[in-house]
């Protein structure tokens, strides 16, 4: 799977990669995912890079001034 580079040096997975990974997982399970399973799969698929991006922004001192 390829990843797309974005600002701040963070690599992001694409929606096309999500669809591909979801299809592969459904083949492995031998059945289509339910809507809830697809949602959970997507959250897990993107969560690692999201955490990395948040940590990177925090290390740069970027904060939400409205909070």
PDB file of N, CA and C in Angstrom:
ATOM      1  N   UNK A   1       0.821  -1.175   0.000  1.00  0.00           N
ATOM      2  CA  UNK A   1       0.000   0.000   0.000  1.00  0.00           C
ATOM      3  C   UNK A   1       0.871   1.247   0.000  1.00  0.00           C
ATOM      4  N   UNK A   2       0.535   2.201  -0.837  1.00  0.00           N
ATOM      5  CA  UNK A   2       1.289   3.440  -0.855  1.00  0.00           C
ATOM      6  C   UNK A   2       0.627   4.445   0.068  1.00  0.00           C
ATOM      7  N   UNK A   3       1.398   5.422   0.488  1.00  0.00           N
ATOM      8  CA  UNK A   3       0.865   6.455   1.351  1.00  0.00           C
ATOM      9  C   UNK A   3       1.130   7.812   0.713  1.00  0.00           C
ATOM     10  N   UNK A   4       0.287   8.763   0.965  1.00  0.00           N
ATOM     11  CA  UNK A   4       0.406  10.104   0.434  1.00  0.00           C
ATOM     12  C   UNK A   4       1.015  10.996   1.497  1.00  0.00           C
ATOM     13  N   UNK A   5       2.041  11.795   1.127  1.00  0.00           N
ATOM     14  CA  UNK A   5       2.656  12.712   2.080  1.00  0.00           C
ATOM     15  C   UNK A   5       1.847  13.988   2.161  1.00  0.00           C
ATOM     16  N   UNK A   6       1.750  14.535   3.370  1.00  0.00           N
ATOM     17  CA  UNK A   6       1.018  15.773   3.595  1.00  0.00           C
ATOM     18  C   UNK A   6       1.877  16.698   4.438  1.00  0.00           C
ATOM     19  N   UNK A   7       1.343  17.862   4.761  1.00  0.00           N
ATOM     20  CA  UNK A   7       2.057  18.860   5.548  1.00  0.00           C
ATOM     21  C   UNK A   7       2.592  18.280   6.844  1.00  0.00           C
ATOM     22  N   UNK A   8       3.639  18.876   7.351  1.00  0.00           N
ATOM     23  CA  UNK A   8       4.288  18.497   8.608  1.00  0.00           C
ATOM     24  C   UNK A   8       4.960  17.136   8.550  1.00  0.00           C
ATOM     25  N   UNK A   9       5.178  16.601   7.362  1.00  0.00           N
ATOM     26  CA  UNK A   9       5.872  15.337   7.227  1.00  0.00           C
ATOM     27  C   UNK A   9       5.080  14.127   7.651  1.00  0.00           C
ATOM     28  N   UNK A  10       3.772  14.249   7.770  1.00  0.00           N
ATOM     29  CA  UNK A  10       2.921  13.143   8.174  1.00  0.00           C
ATOM     30  C   UNK A  10       2.450  12.419   6.926  1.00  0.00           C
ATOM     31  N   UNK A  11       2.549  11.094   6.941  1.00  0.00           N
ATOM     32  CA  UNK A  11       2.041  10.305   5.826  1.00  0.00           C
ATOM     33  C   UNK A  11       0.616   9.884   6.138  1.00  0.00           C
ATOM     34  N   UNK A  12      -0.231   9.994   5.146  1.00  0.00           N
ATOM     35  CA  UNK A  12      -1.639   9.639   5.350  1.00  0.00           C
ATOM     36  C   UNK A  12      -2.043   8.550   4.387  1.00  0.00           C
ATOM     37  N   UNK A  13      -2.833   7.641   4.896  1.00  0.00           N
ATOM     38  CA  UNK A  13      -3.439   6.642   4.037  1.00  0.00           C
ATOM     39  C   UNK A  13      -4.585   7.298   3.285  1.00  0.00           C
ATOM     40  N   UNK A  14      -4.866   6.788   2.110  1.00  0.00           N
ATOM     41  CA  UNK A  14      -5.937   7.362   1.298  1.00  0.00           C
ATOM     42  C   UNK A  14      -7.224   6.560   1.468  1.00  0.00           C
ATOM     43  N   UNK A  15      -8.322   7.142   1.010  1.00  0.00           N
ATOM     44  CA  UNK A  15      -9.597   6.435   1.056  1.00  0.00           C
ATOM     45  C   UNK A  15      -9.554   5.193   0.170  1.00  0.00           C
ATOM     46  N   UNK A  16      -8.841   5.294  -0.953  1.00  0.00           N
ATOM     47  CA  UNK A  16      -8.713   4.133  -1.841  1.00  0.00           C
ATOM     48  C   UNK A  16      -8.007   2.987  -1.121  1.00  0.00           C
ATOM     49  N   UNK A  17      -7.019   3.308  -0.302  1.00  0.00           N
ATOM     50  CA  UNK A  17      -6.323   2.279   0.468  1.00  0.00           C
ATOM     51  C   UNK A  17      -7.247   1.662   1.512  1.00  0.00           C
ATOM     52  N   UNK A  18      -8.107   2.480   2.107  1.00  0.00           N
ATOM     53  CA  UNK A  18      -9.087   1.966   3.062  1.00  0.00           C
ATOM     54  C   UNK A  18     -10.007   0.965   2.372  1.00  0.00           C
ATOM     55  N   UNK A  19     -10.522   1.333   1.211  1.00  0.00           N
ATOM     56  CA  UNK A  19     -11.430   0.449   0.483  1.00  0.00           C
ATOM     57  C   UNK A  19     -10.733  -0.872   0.143  1.00  0.00           C
ATOM     58  N   UNK A  20      -9.476  -0.788  -0.276  1.00  0.00           N
ATOM     59  CA  UNK A  20      -8.705  -1.992  -0.609  1.00  0.00           C
ATOM     60  C   UNK A  20      -8.498  -2.863   0.626  1.00  0.00           C
ATOM     61  N   UNK A  21      -8.115  -2.251   1.728  1.00  0.00           N
ATOM     62  CA  UNK A  21      -7.874  -3.005   2.963  1.00  0.00           C
ATOM     63  C   UNK A  21      -9.174  -3.621   3.489  1.00  0.00           C
ATOM     64  N   UNK A  22     -10.261  -2.885   3.386  1.00  0.00           N
ATOM     65  CA  UNK A  22     -11.558  -3.398   3.813  1.00  0.00           C
ATOM     66  C   UNK A  22     -11.959  -4.611   2.989  1.00  0.00           C
ATOM     67  N   UNK A  23     -11.783  -4.518   1.682  1.00  0.00           N
ATOM     68  CA  UNK A  23     -12.118  -5.646   0.803  1.00  0.00           C
ATOM     69  C   UNK A  23     -11.265  -6.872   1.135  1.00  0.00           C
ATOM     70  N   UNK A  24      -9.981  -6.656   1.400  1.00  0.00           N
ATOM     71  CA  UNK A  24      -9.090  -7.770   1.763  1.00  0.00           C
ATOM     72  C   UNK A  24      -9.544  -8.420   3.067  1.00  0.00           C
ATOM     73  N   UNK A  25      -9.937  -7.594   4.044  1.00  0.00           N
ATOM     74  CA  UNK A  25     -10.386  -8.127   5.328  1.00  0.00           C
ATOM     75  C   UNK A  25     -11.682  -8.919   5.165  1.00  0.00           C
ATOM     76  N   UNK A  26     -12.578  -8.436   4.322  1.00  0.00           N
ATOM     77  CA  UNK A  26     -13.821  -9.161   4.081  1.00  0.00           C
ATOM     78  C   UNK A  26     -13.553 -10.515   3.423  1.00  0.00           C
ATOM     79  N   UNK A  27     -12.596 -10.569   2.520  1.00  0.00           N
ATOM     80  CA  UNK A  27     -12.224 -11.839   1.889  1.00  0.00           C
ATOM     81  C   UNK A  27     -11.673 -12.796   2.942  1.00  0.00           C
ATOM     82  N   UNK A  28     -10.802 -12.284   3.822  1.00  0.00           N
ATOM     83  CA  UNK A  28     -10.233 -13.126   4.880  1.00  0.00           C
ATOM     84  C   UNK A  28     -11.314 -13.661   5.808  1.00  0.00           C
ATOM     85  N   UNK A  29     -12.314 -12.838   6.098  1.00  0.00           N
ATOM     86  CA  UNK A  29     -13.393 -13.277   6.988  1.00  0.00           C
ATOM     87  C   UNK A  29     -14.424 -14.133   6.270  1.00  0.00           C
ATOM     88  N   UNK A  30     -14.434 -14.053   4.953  1.00  0.00           N
ATOM     89  CA  UNK A  30     -15.367 -14.848   4.177  1.00  0.00           C
ATOM     90  C   UNK A  30     -16.781 -14.305   4.128  1.00  0.00           C
ATOM     91  N   UNK A  31     -16.919 -13.011   4.458  1.00  0.00           N
ATOM     92  CA  UNK A  31     -18.241 -12.386   4.427  1.00  0.00           C
ATOM     93  C   UNK A  31     -18.071 -10.873   4.415  1.00  0.00           C
ATOM     94  N   UNK A  32     -19.105 -10.174   3.939  1.00  0.00           N
ATOM     95  CA  UNK A  32     -19.047  -8.703   3.985  1.00  0.00           C
ATOM     96  C   UNK A  32     -19.182  -8.197   5.418  1.00  0.00           C
ATOM     97  N   UNK A  33     -18.572  -7.068   5.704  1.00  0.00           N
ATOM     98  CA  UNK A  33     -18.710  -6.433   7.011  1.00  0.00           C
ATOM     99  C   UNK A  33     -20.079  -5.782   7.131  1.00  0.00           C
ATOM    100  N   UNK A  34     -20.552  -5.680   8.347  1.00  0.00           N
ATOM    101  CA  UNK A  34     -21.759  -4.896   8.610  1.00  0.00           C
ATOM    102  C   UNK A  34     -21.358  -3.414   8.579  1.00  0.00           C
ATOM    103  N   UNK A  35     -22.332  -2.531   8.597  1.00  0.00           N
ATOM    104  CA  UNK A  35     -22.035  -1.096   8.604  1.00  0.00           C
ATOM    105  C   UNK A  35     -21.199  -0.711   9.829  1.00  0.00           C
ATOM    106  N   UNK A  36     -21.536  -1.264  10.989  1.00  0.00           N
ATOM    107  CA  UNK A  36     -20.775  -0.962  12.212  1.00  0.00           C
ATOM    108  C   UNK A  36     -19.351  -1.496  12.127  1.00  0.00           C
ATOM    109  N   UNK A  37     -19.184  -2.673  11.541  1.00  0.00           N
ATOM    110  CA  UNK A  37     -17.842  -3.238  11.388  1.00  0.00           C
ATOM    111  C   UNK A  37     -17.001  -2.393  10.433  1.00  0.00           C
ATOM    112  N   UNK A  38     -17.624  -1.885   9.378  1.00  0.00           N
ATOM    113  CA  UNK A  38     -16.897  -1.016   8.442  1.00  0.00           C
ATOM    114  C   UNK A  38     -16.449   0.264   9.124  1.00  0.00           C
ATOM    115  N   UNK A  39     -17.327   0.829   9.931  1.00  0.00           N
ATOM    116  CA  UNK A  39     -16.975   2.045  10.656  1.00  0.00           C
ATOM    117  C   UNK A  39     -15.816   1.792  11.620  1.00  0.00           C
ATOM    118  N   UNK A  40     -15.894   0.705  12.364  1.00  0.00           N
ATOM    119  CA  UNK A  40     -14.815   0.358  13.303  1.00  0.00           C
ATOM    120  C   UNK A  40     -13.514   0.082  12.564  1.00  0.00           C
ATOM    121  N   UNK A  41     -13.601  -0.573  11.431  1.00  0.00           N
ATOM    122  CA  UNK A  41     -12.412  -0.865  10.634  1.00  0.00           C
ATOM    123  C   UNK A  41     -11.761   0.440  10.181  1.00  0.00           C
ATOM    124  N   UNK A  42     -12.568   1.389   9.709  1.00  0.00           N
ATOM    125  CA  UNK A  42     -12.039   2.675   9.237  1.00  0.00           C
ATOM    126  C   UNK A  42     -11.361   3.442  10.362  1.00  0.00           C
ATOM    127  N   UNK A  43     -11.973   3.443  11.534  1.00  0.00           N
ATOM    128  CA  UNK A  43     -11.377   4.130  12.684  1.00  0.00           C
ATOM    129  C   UNK A  43     -10.017   3.514  13.000  1.00  0.00           C
ATOM    130  N   UNK A  44      -9.948   2.203  13.049  1.00  0.00           N
ATOM    131  CA  UNK A  44      -8.680   1.532  13.312  1.00  0.00           C
ATOM    132  C   UNK A  44      -7.667   1.756  12.213  1.00  0.00           C
ATOM    133  N   UNK A  45      -8.117   1.807  10.986  1.00  0.00           N
ATOM    134  CA  UNK A  45      -7.237   1.980   9.832  1.00  0.00           C
ATOM    135  C   UNK A  45      -6.521   3.330   9.884  1.00  0.00           C
ATOM    136  N   UNK A  46      -7.228   4.361  10.301  1.00  0.00           N
ATOM    137  CA  UNK A  46      -6.652   5.704  10.317  1.00  0.00           C
ATOM    138  C   UNK A  46      -6.132   6.146  11.677  1.00  0.00           C
ATOM    139  N   UNK A  47      -6.394   5.415  12.752  1.00  0.00           N
ATOM    140  CA  UNK A  47      -6.093   5.884  14.099  1.00  0.00           C
ATOM    141  C   UNK A  47      -4.610   6.065  14.391  1.00  0.00           C
ATOM    142  N   UNK A  48      -3.752   5.186  13.915  1.00  0.00           N
ATOM    143  CA  UNK A  48      -2.322   5.292  14.221  1.00  0.00           C
ATOM    144  C   UNK A  48      -1.739   6.582  13.680  1.00  0.00           C
ATOM    145  N   UNK A  49      -2.019   6.893  12.425  1.00  0.00           N
ATOM    146  CA  UNK A  49      -1.460   8.121  11.857  1.00  0.00           C
ATOM    147  C   UNK A  49      -2.074   9.363  12.499  1.00  0.00           C
ATOM    148  N   UNK A  50      -3.328   9.271  12.909  1.00  0.00           N
ATOM    149  CA  UNK A  50      -3.965  10.397  13.590  1.00  0.00           C
ATOM    150  C   UNK A  50      -3.253  10.672  14.916  1.00  0.00           C
ATOM    151  N   UNK A  51      -2.989   9.613  15.683  1.00  0.00           N
ATOM    152  CA  UNK A  51      -2.272   9.780  16.961  1.00  0.00           C
ATOM    153  C   UNK A  51      -0.906  10.391  16.722  1.00  0.00           C
ATOM    154  N   UNK A  52      -0.195   9.909  15.690  1.00  0.00           N
ATOM    155  CA  UNK A  52       1.134  10.441  15.381  1.00  0.00           C
ATOM    156  C   UNK A  52       1.071  11.920  15.027  1.00  0.00           C
ATOM    157  N   UNK A  53       0.051  12.315  14.269  1.00  0.00           N
ATOM    158  CA  UNK A  53      -0.101  13.711  13.885  1.00  0.00           C
ATOM    159  C   UNK A  53      -0.388  14.582  15.106  1.00  0.00           C
ATOM    160  N   UNK A  54      -1.247  14.127  15.998  1.00  0.00           N
ATOM    161  CA  UNK A  54      -1.564  14.880  17.208  1.00  0.00           C
ATOM    162  C   UNK A  54      -0.309  15.024  18.074  1.00  0.00           C
ATOM    163  N   UNK A  55       0.439  13.954  18.247  1.00  0.00           N
ATOM    164  CA  UNK A  55       1.681  14.020  19.045  1.00  0.00           C
ATOM    165  C   UNK A  55       2.677  14.998  18.434  1.00  0.00           C
ATOM    166  N   UNK A  56       2.784  14.961  17.117  1.00  0.00           N
ATOM    167  CA  UNK A  56       3.724  15.859  16.434  1.00  0.00           C
ATOM    168  C   UNK A  56       3.305  17.312  16.633  1.00  0.00           C
ATOM    169  N   UNK A  57       2.020  17.591  16.475  1.00  0.00           N
ATOM    170  CA  UNK A  57       1.538  18.965  16.674  1.00  0.00           C
ATOM    171  C   UNK A  57       1.752  19.423  18.109  1.00  0.00           C
ATOM    172  N   UNK A  58       1.524  18.524  19.058  1.00  0.00           N
ATOM    173  CA  UNK A  58       1.746  18.888  20.457  1.00  0.00           C
ATOM    174  C   UNK A  58       3.221  19.174  20.725  1.00  0.00           C
ATOM    175  N   UNK A  59       4.115  18.396  20.116  1.00  0.00           N
ATOM    176  CA  UNK A  59       5.544  18.615  20.320  1.00  0.00           C
ATOM    177  C   UNK A  59       6.002  19.938  19.712  1.00  0.00           C
ATOM    178  N   UNK A  60       5.249  20.409  18.705  1.00  0.00           N
ATOM    179  CA  UNK A  60       5.570  21.696  18.092  1.00  0.00           C
ATOM    180  C   UNK A  60       4.953  22.857  18.857  1.00  0.00           C
ATOM    181  N   UNK A  61       4.168  22.542  19.890  1.00  0.00           N
ATOM    182  CA  UNK A  61       3.541  23.573  20.697  1.00  0.00           C
ATOM    183  C   UNK A  61       2.261  24.117  20.102  1.00  0.00           C
ATOM    184  N   UNK A  62       1.691  23.387  19.176  1.00  0.00           N
ATOM    185  CA  UNK A  62       0.431  23.829  18.575  1.00  0.00           C
ATOM    186  C   UNK A  62      -0.704  23.449  19.517  1.00  0.00           C
ATOM    187  N   UNK A  63      -1.495  24.450  19.912  1.00  0.00           N
ATOM    188  CA  UNK A  63      -2.616  24.191  20.819  1.00  0.00           C
ATOM    189  C   UNK A  63      -3.867  24.853  20.287  1.00  0.00           C
ATOM    190  N   UNK A  64      -4.969  24.465  20.815  1.00  0.00           N
ATOM    191  CA  UNK A  64      -6.243  25.069  20.483  1.00  0.00           C
ATOM    192  C   UNK A  64      -6.473  26.213  21.461  1.00  0.00           C
ATOM    193  N   UNK A  65      -6.305  27.440  20.986  1.00  0.00           N
ATOM    194  CA  UNK A  65      -6.395  28.610  21.867  1.00  0.00           C
ATOM    195  C   UNK A  65      -7.818  28.898  22.326  1.00  0.00           C
ATOM    196  N   UNK A  66      -8.816  28.298  21.672  1.00  0.00           N
ATOM    197  CA  UNK A  66     -10.194  28.538  22.067  1.00  0.00           C
ATOM    198  C   UNK A  66     -10.619  27.666  23.237  1.00  0.00           C
ATOM    199  N   UNK A  67      -9.849  26.664  23.612  1.00  0.00           N
ATOM    200  CA  UNK A  67     -10.237  25.762  24.706  1.00  0.00           C
ATOM    201  C   UNK A  67      -9.928  26.378  26.046  1.00  0.00           C
TER     202      UNK A  67
END
